């Protein structure tokens, strides 16, 4: 049996200048579940073949506005995320 763990690349502030999480922000560059056979109600793999990116922000955890910035992507059948190496990139611009 193949056992994988969740994987993530997070960017957190050096200090909590605007308060505790998520007031000072968090960027989830990449998060993925480690489940090989995890599927949603329509049969789409939401385990190792899906990753998400999110920006967390808001005055406190009850009002984390991540739903406005969350994005998920599923791997193509011949390029499954857990089978080959992937590069992740973030471009930070003034806009």
Protein backbone atom coordinates (compact mmCIF):
# COMPACT_ATOMS: atom_id res chain seq x y z
CA UNK A 1 0.00 0.00 0.00
CA UNK A 2 1.30 3.42 -0.97
CA UNK A 3 1.07 5.93 1.88
CA UNK A 4 1.64 9.59 1.09
CA UNK A 5 1.33 12.66 3.27
CA UNK A 6 -0.12 16.06 2.51
CA UNK A 7 2.39 18.39 0.87
CA UNK A 8 2.45 22.18 1.04
CA UNK A 9 4.58 25.23 0.31
CA UNK A 10 3.42 28.16 2.45
CA UNK A 11 4.62 31.74 2.67
CA UNK A 12 4.07 33.39 6.05
CA UNK A 13 5.01 36.89 7.26
CA UNK A 14 8.08 37.40 9.44
CA UNK A 15 5.94 39.10 12.08
CA UNK A 16 2.25 39.36 12.84
CA UNK A 17 2.23 43.10 12.15
CA UNK A 18 -1.55 43.24 11.61
CA UNK A 19 -2.51 40.60 14.19
CA UNK A 20 -2.79 36.84 14.45
CA UNK A 21 -3.65 34.53 11.58
CA UNK A 22 -4.99 35.38 9.02
CA UNK A 23 -4.84 39.16 9.59
CA UNK A 24 -1.17 39.37 8.60
CA UNK A 25 -1.72 37.05 5.64
CA UNK A 26 -0.63 33.66 4.38
CA UNK A 27 0.03 32.51 0.83
CA UNK A 28 -0.36 28.83 0.09
CA UNK A 29 1.71 28.49 -3.06
CA UNK A 30 0.86 24.79 -3.33
CA UNK A 31 -1.11 22.37 -1.18
CA UNK A 32 -1.97 18.79 -2.06
CA UNK A 33 -3.54 15.88 -0.25
CA UNK A 34 -1.53 12.69 -0.11
CA UNK A 35 -4.41 10.30 -0.78
CA UNK A 36 -3.94 8.27 -3.97
CA UNK A 37 -7.59 7.18 -4.33
CA UNK A 38 -9.45 10.18 -2.86
CA UNK A 39 -12.26 11.29 -5.19
CA UNK A 40 -15.12 13.75 -5.03
CA UNK A 41 -18.79 12.99 -5.70
CA UNK A 42 -18.30 13.03 -9.51
CA UNK A 43 -15.24 10.75 -9.40
CA UNK A 44 -12.56 13.41 -9.90
CA UNK A 45 -9.33 12.70 -8.00
CA UNK A 46 -8.92 15.35 -5.28
CA UNK A 47 -5.99 13.60 -3.60
CA UNK A 48 -2.53 13.40 -5.15
CA UNK A 49 -3.79 14.54 -8.56
CA UNK A 50 -5.05 17.93 -7.39
CA UNK A 51 -3.27 20.91 -5.91
CA UNK A 52 -4.55 24.23 -4.69
CA UNK A 53 -3.25 27.76 -4.16
CA UNK A 54 -4.80 30.21 -1.75
CA UNK A 55 -4.25 33.62 -0.16
CA UNK A 56 -5.59 33.78 3.41
CA UNK A 57 -6.55 37.20 4.76
CA UNK A 58 -9.12 38.83 7.01
CA UNK A 59 -9.46 40.31 10.49
CA UNK A 60 -9.61 36.89 12.22
CA UNK A 61 -10.07 33.17 11.50
CA UNK A 62 -13.89 33.45 11.41
CA UNK A 63 -13.62 35.93 8.53
CA UNK A 64 -10.78 34.37 6.54
CA UNK A 65 -11.63 35.47 2.99
CA UNK A 66 -9.75 32.61 1.26
CA UNK A 67 -12.79 31.66 -0.83
CA UNK A 68 -12.16 34.75 -2.99
CA UNK A 69 -8.59 33.68 -3.81
CA UNK A 70 -8.63 29.86 -3.80
CA UNK A 71 -7.74 28.01 -7.01
CA UNK A 72 -7.41 24.27 -7.69
CA UNK A 73 -5.93 22.41 -10.63
CA UNK A 74 -6.18 18.75 -11.49
CA UNK A 75 -3.40 16.86 -13.25
CA UNK A 76 -3.87 15.43 -16.71
CA UNK A 77 -4.08 11.64 -16.75
CA UNK A 78 -0.60 11.22 -18.26
CA UNK A 79 1.07 13.78 -15.93
CA UNK A 80 -0.08 12.84 -12.45
CA UNK A 81 1.37 15.13 -9.77
CA UNK A 82 2.65 12.30 -7.58
CA UNK A 83 4.44 10.49 -10.43
CA UNK A 84 6.86 13.15 -11.73
CA UNK A 85 8.74 16.19 -10.43
CA UNK A 86 7.00 19.58 -10.78
CA UNK A 87 8.17 23.18 -10.54
CA UNK A 88 5.96 25.76 -8.80
CA UNK A 89 6.40 29.47 -9.31
CA UNK A 90 4.92 32.66 -7.95
CA UNK A 91 5.25 36.04 -9.65
CA UNK A 92 4.95 38.98 -7.26
CA UNK A 93 4.16 42.27 -8.97
CA UNK A 94 3.23 45.75 -7.69
CA UNK A 95 -0.27 45.33 -9.23
